[in-house]
Amino acid sequence: MDEKEALSLVTKHLAKAELPKASLEKFASAVSRTRLKPIGLDICAYGYCIDLLIEGGLADFDIRDVEELAVGKIRGIEIFPWGIKDPDMLRVRVGQEF
């Protein structure tokens, strides 16, 4: 996902929110640069939420990897196993305040 695609996705999903454009642009830039695999962007109780697909189990996940997406204060990180057949994948949701 390049920066333009990330900005378009963020803008589309967050169009109804009253969030500063500069924050949206910073967030889109961070999403486009991450080595993690973003699978969703949305508004959440904190501000922005990004869903990531992580290959490997908890032993392979380094929570410090989400710091590169922290253009706002991280308010929550939720970790879900992804699928029943393939428990070595995780869905990680990072909520940020803006």
N, C-alpha and C. Protein backbone atom coordinates (compact mmCIF):
# COMPACT_ATOMS: atom_id res chain seq x y z
N MET A 1 0.85 -1.16 0.00
CA MET A 1 0.00 0.00 0.00
C MET A 1 0.91 1.23 0.00
N ASP A 2 0.77 2.08 -1.01
CA ASP A 2 1.58 3.30 -1.03
C ASP A 2 0.88 4.42 -0.25
N GLU A 3 1.56 5.54 -0.11
CA GLU A 3 1.04 6.63 0.72
C GLU A 3 -0.27 7.20 0.18
N LYS A 4 -0.38 7.29 -1.14
CA LYS A 4 -1.61 7.82 -1.75
C LYS A 4 -2.80 6.90 -1.47
N GLU A 5 -2.58 5.59 -1.61
CA GLU A 5 -3.65 4.63 -1.33
C GLU A 5 -4.05 4.67 0.14
N ALA A 6 -3.05 4.77 1.02
CA ALA A 6 -3.33 4.83 2.45
C ALA A 6 -4.12 6.08 2.80
N LEU A 7 -3.73 7.23 2.24
CA LEU A 7 -4.45 8.48 2.50
C LEU A 7 -5.89 8.39 1.98
N SER A 8 -6.07 7.80 0.82
CA SER A 8 -7.41 7.65 0.25
C SER A 8 -8.27 6.77 1.15
N LEU A 9 -7.73 5.66 1.61
CA LEU A 9 -8.47 4.75 2.48
C LEU A 9 -8.82 5.41 3.81
N VAL A 10 -7.83 6.07 4.40
CA VAL A 10 -8.07 6.76 5.68
C VAL A 10 -9.12 7.84 5.50
N THR A 11 -9.00 8.64 4.45
CA THR A 11 -9.94 9.73 4.21
C THR A 11 -11.35 9.21 3.99
N LYS A 12 -11.48 8.14 3.21
CA LYS A 12 -12.79 7.56 2.94
C LYS A 12 -13.45 7.06 4.22
N HIS A 13 -12.71 6.35 5.04
CA HIS A 13 -13.28 5.77 6.26
C HIS A 13 -13.51 6.80 7.36
N LEU A 14 -12.77 7.87 7.32
CA LEU A 14 -12.85 8.85 8.40
C LEU A 14 -13.51 10.16 7.96
N ALA A 15 -14.16 10.15 6.80
CA ALA A 15 -14.71 11.38 6.24
C ALA A 15 -15.70 12.08 7.16
N LYS A 16 -16.43 11.33 7.95
CA LYS A 16 -17.44 11.93 8.82
C LYS A 16 -16.87 12.42 10.14
N ALA A 17 -15.66 12.04 10.44
CA ALA A 17 -15.05 12.44 11.71
C ALA A 17 -14.45 13.84 11.58
N GLU A 18 -14.43 14.55 12.66
CA GLU A 18 -13.84 15.89 12.67
C GLU A 18 -12.41 15.77 13.18
N LEU A 19 -11.53 15.28 12.31
CA LEU A 19 -10.13 15.07 12.66
C LEU A 19 -9.27 15.96 11.76
N PRO A 20 -8.18 16.52 12.31
CA PRO A 20 -7.35 17.43 11.52
C PRO A 20 -6.68 16.73 10.33
N LYS A 21 -6.66 17.41 9.19
CA LYS A 21 -6.06 16.85 7.97
C LYS A 21 -4.59 16.51 8.18
N ALA A 22 -3.87 17.32 8.94
CA ALA A 22 -2.45 17.05 9.20
C ALA A 22 -2.28 15.70 9.90
N SER A 23 -3.19 15.38 10.83
CA SER A 23 -3.14 14.09 11.51
C SER A 23 -3.41 12.95 10.55
N LEU A 24 -4.40 13.15 9.67
CA LEU A 24 -4.71 12.14 8.66
C LEU A 24 -3.51 11.88 7.76
N GLU A 25 -2.84 12.95 7.34
CA GLU A 25 -1.69 12.80 6.45
C GLU A 25 -0.54 12.10 7.16
N LYS A 26 -0.28 12.42 8.42
CA LYS A 26 0.77 11.73 9.19
C LYS A 26 0.45 10.24 9.32
N PHE A 27 -0.82 9.96 9.62
CA PHE A 27 -1.24 8.57 9.79
C PHE A 27 -1.11 7.80 8.49
N ALA A 28 -1.55 8.38 7.38
CA ALA A 28 -1.44 7.72 6.08
C ALA A 28 0.01 7.47 5.72
N SER A 29 0.87 8.41 6.02
CA SER A 29 2.30 8.25 5.75
C SER A 29 2.88 7.09 6.57
N ALA A 30 2.52 7.03 7.85
CA ALA A 30 3.02 5.95 8.72
C ALA A 30 2.52 4.59 8.23
N VAL A 31 1.26 4.51 7.83
CA VAL A 31 0.69 3.25 7.33
C VAL A 31 1.40 2.81 6.06
N SER A 32 1.72 3.75 5.20
CA SER A 32 2.35 3.40 3.93
C SER A 32 3.80 2.94 4.12
N ARG A 33 4.44 3.32 5.21
CA ARG A 33 5.84 2.96 5.44
C ARG A 33 6.02 1.70 6.28
N THR A 34 4.98 1.25 6.95
CA THR A 34 5.14 0.13 7.87
C THR A 34 5.45 -1.17 7.13
N ARG A 35 6.26 -2.01 7.76
CA ARG A 35 6.55 -3.32 7.18
C ARG A 35 5.45 -4.32 7.56
N LEU A 36 4.60 -3.92 8.52
CA LEU A 36 3.46 -4.75 8.91
C LEU A 36 2.40 -4.67 7.82
N LYS A 37 1.46 -5.62 7.83
CA LYS A 37 0.45 -5.67 6.78
C LYS A 37 -0.88 -5.08 7.28
N PRO A 38 -1.18 -3.82 6.90
CA PRO A 38 -2.46 -3.23 7.29
C PRO A 38 -3.60 -3.89 6.52
N ILE A 39 -4.68 -4.26 7.24
CA ILE A 39 -5.83 -4.86 6.57
C ILE A 39 -7.11 -4.05 6.81
N GLY A 40 -7.02 -3.00 7.61
CA GLY A 40 -8.20 -2.17 7.83
C GLY A 40 -7.86 -0.90 8.59
N LEU A 41 -8.58 0.17 8.27
CA LEU A 41 -8.44 1.46 8.94
C LEU A 41 -9.85 1.95 9.25
N ASP A 42 -10.04 2.47 10.46
CA ASP A 42 -11.38 2.90 10.81
C ASP A 42 -11.34 3.88 11.98
N ILE A 43 -12.49 4.45 12.27
CA ILE A 43 -12.65 5.27 13.46
C ILE A 43 -12.96 4.31 14.60
N CYS A 44 -12.41 4.58 15.77
CA CYS A 44 -12.75 3.78 16.95
C CYS A 44 -12.97 4.74 18.11
N ALA A 45 -13.18 4.20 19.28
CA ALA A 45 -13.46 5.03 20.46
C ALA A 45 -12.33 6.00 20.77
N TYR A 46 -11.12 5.69 20.33
CA TYR A 46 -9.96 6.52 20.65
C TYR A 46 -9.68 7.60 19.61
N GLY A 47 -10.03 7.33 18.39
CA GLY A 47 -9.69 8.22 17.27
C GLY A 47 -9.56 7.38 16.01
N TYR A 48 -8.34 6.93 15.71
CA TYR A 48 -8.09 6.05 14.57
C TYR A 48 -7.79 4.65 15.10
N CYS A 49 -8.23 3.66 14.37
CA CYS A 49 -7.82 2.28 14.63
C CYS A 49 -7.29 1.70 13.34
N ILE A 50 -6.24 0.93 13.47
CA ILE A 50 -5.68 0.23 12.32
C ILE A 50 -5.63 -1.25 12.67
N ASP A 51 -6.08 -2.09 11.75
CA ASP A 51 -6.00 -3.53 11.92
C ASP A 51 -4.83 -4.04 11.10
N LEU A 52 -4.05 -4.90 11.72
CA LEU A 52 -2.86 -5.47 11.08
C LEU A 52 -2.98 -6.99 11.05
N LEU A 53 -2.47 -7.61 10.02
CA LEU A 53 -2.39 -9.06 9.93
C LEU A 53 -0.93 -9.44 10.18
N ILE A 54 -0.71 -10.22 11.23
CA ILE A 54 0.64 -10.61 11.64
C ILE A 54 0.79 -12.10 11.41
N GLU A 55 1.78 -12.48 10.61
CA GLU A 55 2.06 -13.90 10.41
C GLU A 55 2.96 -14.39 11.52
N GLY A 56 2.65 -15.55 12.05
CA GLY A 56 3.38 -16.10 13.18
C GLY A 56 2.55 -15.96 14.44
N GLY A 57 2.90 -16.72 15.44
CA GLY A 57 2.17 -16.67 16.70
C GLY A 57 2.66 -15.55 17.59
N LEU A 58 2.19 -15.55 18.81
CA LEU A 58 2.58 -14.52 19.77
C LEU A 58 4.09 -14.49 20.00
N ALA A 59 4.73 -15.64 19.92
CA ALA A 59 6.18 -15.70 20.13
C ALA A 59 6.94 -14.92 19.05
N ASP A 60 6.33 -14.79 17.86
CA ASP A 60 6.97 -14.08 16.75
C ASP A 60 6.58 -12.61 16.67
N PHE A 61 5.63 -12.19 17.50
CA PHE A 61 5.13 -10.81 17.45
C PHE A 61 5.87 -9.95 18.46
N ASP A 62 6.44 -8.87 17.97
CA ASP A 62 7.12 -7.90 18.84
C ASP A 62 6.24 -6.66 18.92
N ILE A 63 5.69 -6.41 20.07
CA ILE A 63 4.76 -5.30 20.25
C ILE A 63 5.40 -3.95 19.92
N ARG A 64 6.71 -3.88 19.98
CA ARG A 64 7.41 -2.63 19.63
C ARG A 64 7.26 -2.30 18.15
N ASP A 65 6.90 -3.28 17.32
CA ASP A 65 6.69 -3.02 15.89
C ASP A 65 5.55 -2.04 15.64
N VAL A 66 4.58 -1.98 16.55
CA VAL A 66 3.45 -1.06 16.33
C VAL A 66 3.84 0.38 16.63
N GLU A 67 4.99 0.61 17.26
CA GLU A 67 5.42 1.98 17.57
C GLU A 67 5.60 2.82 16.31
N GLU A 68 5.97 2.20 15.20
CA GLU A 68 6.15 2.95 13.96
C GLU A 68 4.84 3.53 13.45
N LEU A 69 3.72 3.01 13.92
CA LEU A 69 2.41 3.52 13.53
C LEU A 69 1.88 4.56 14.52
N ALA A 70 2.63 4.82 15.56
CA ALA A 70 2.17 5.69 16.65
C ALA A 70 2.42 7.15 16.33
N VAL A 71 1.61 7.72 15.47
CA VAL A 71 1.71 9.16 15.22
C VAL A 71 0.85 9.91 16.22
N GLY A 72 0.02 9.20 16.94
CA GLY A 72 -0.77 9.72 18.05
C GLY A 72 -0.51 8.84 19.25
N LYS A 73 -1.08 9.18 20.38
CA LYS A 73 -0.90 8.38 21.59
C LYS A 73 -1.62 7.05 21.43
N ILE A 74 -0.92 5.95 21.62
CA ILE A 74 -1.55 4.63 21.53
C ILE A 74 -2.44 4.45 22.76
N ARG A 75 -3.71 4.16 22.52
CA ARG A 75 -4.68 4.01 23.60
C ARG A 75 -5.10 2.57 23.83
N GLY A 76 -4.82 1.70 22.88
CA GLY A 76 -5.20 0.31 23.06
C GLY A 76 -4.61 -0.57 21.99
N ILE A 77 -4.27 -1.79 22.38
CA ILE A 77 -3.81 -2.80 21.43
C ILE A 77 -4.58 -4.08 21.75
N GLU A 78 -5.28 -4.58 20.75
CA GLU A 78 -6.04 -5.83 20.91
C GLU A 78 -5.44 -6.86 19.97
N ILE A 79 -5.29 -8.08 20.48
CA ILE A 79 -4.69 -9.16 19.70
C ILE A 79 -5.69 -10.31 19.62
N PHE A 80 -6.00 -10.73 18.39
CA PHE A 80 -6.95 -11.80 18.15
C PHE A 80 -6.28 -12.89 17.33
N PRO A 81 -6.51 -14.18 17.66
CA PRO A 81 -6.05 -15.24 16.75
C PRO A 81 -6.83 -15.12 15.45
N TRP A 82 -6.18 -15.39 14.34
CA TRP A 82 -6.81 -15.25 13.03
C TRP A 82 -7.11 -16.62 12.46
N GLY A 83 -8.36 -16.98 12.46
CA GLY A 83 -8.81 -18.24 11.87
C GLY A 83 -8.63 -19.43 12.79
N ILE A 84 -9.39 -20.45 12.53
CA ILE A 84 -9.34 -21.67 13.33
C ILE A 84 -8.29 -22.63 12.78
N LYS A 85 -8.22 -22.73 11.47
CA LYS A 85 -7.29 -23.66 10.85
C LYS A 85 -5.84 -23.21 10.94
N ASP A 86 -5.61 -21.89 10.97
CA ASP A 86 -4.25 -21.37 10.94
C ASP A 86 -4.02 -20.47 12.16
N PRO A 87 -3.80 -21.06 13.33
CA PRO A 87 -3.65 -20.25 14.54
C PRO A 87 -2.33 -19.48 14.61
N ASP A 88 -1.48 -19.63 13.61
CA ASP A 88 -0.21 -18.92 13.61
C ASP A 88 -0.30 -17.54 12.94
N MET A 89 -1.53 -17.04 12.80
CA MET A 89 -1.72 -15.69 12.30
C MET A 89 -2.51 -14.92 13.34
N LEU A 90 -2.21 -13.63 13.44
CA LEU A 90 -2.88 -12.77 14.42
C LEU A 90 -3.47 -11.56 13.73
N ARG A 91 -4.58 -11.09 14.24
CA ARG A 91 -5.12 -9.79 13.85
C ARG A 91 -4.88 -8.88 15.04
N VAL A 92 -4.17 -7.80 14.80
CA VAL A 92 -3.81 -6.85 15.86
C VAL A 92 -4.48 -5.53 15.54
N ARG A 93 -5.25 -5.01 16.49
CA ARG A 93 -5.90 -3.70 16.31
C ARG A 93 -5.22 -2.70 17.24
N VAL A 94 -4.76 -1.60 16.65
CA VAL A 94 -4.08 -0.54 17.40
C VAL A 94 -4.96 0.70 17.36
N GLY A 95 -5.37 1.17 18.52
CA GLY A 95 -6.18 2.38 18.62
C GLY A 95 -5.31 3.54 19.04
N GLN A 96 -5.45 4.67 18.32
CA GLN A 96 -4.66 5.86 18.60
C GLN A 96 -5.55 7.06 18.83
N GLU A 97 -5.12 7.93 19.70
CA GLU A 97 -5.85 9.15 19.99
C GLU A 97 -5.28 10.30 19.15
N PHE A 98 -6.18 11.14 18.63
CA PHE A 98 -5.75 12.32 17.91
C PHE A 98 -6.55 13.51 18.37
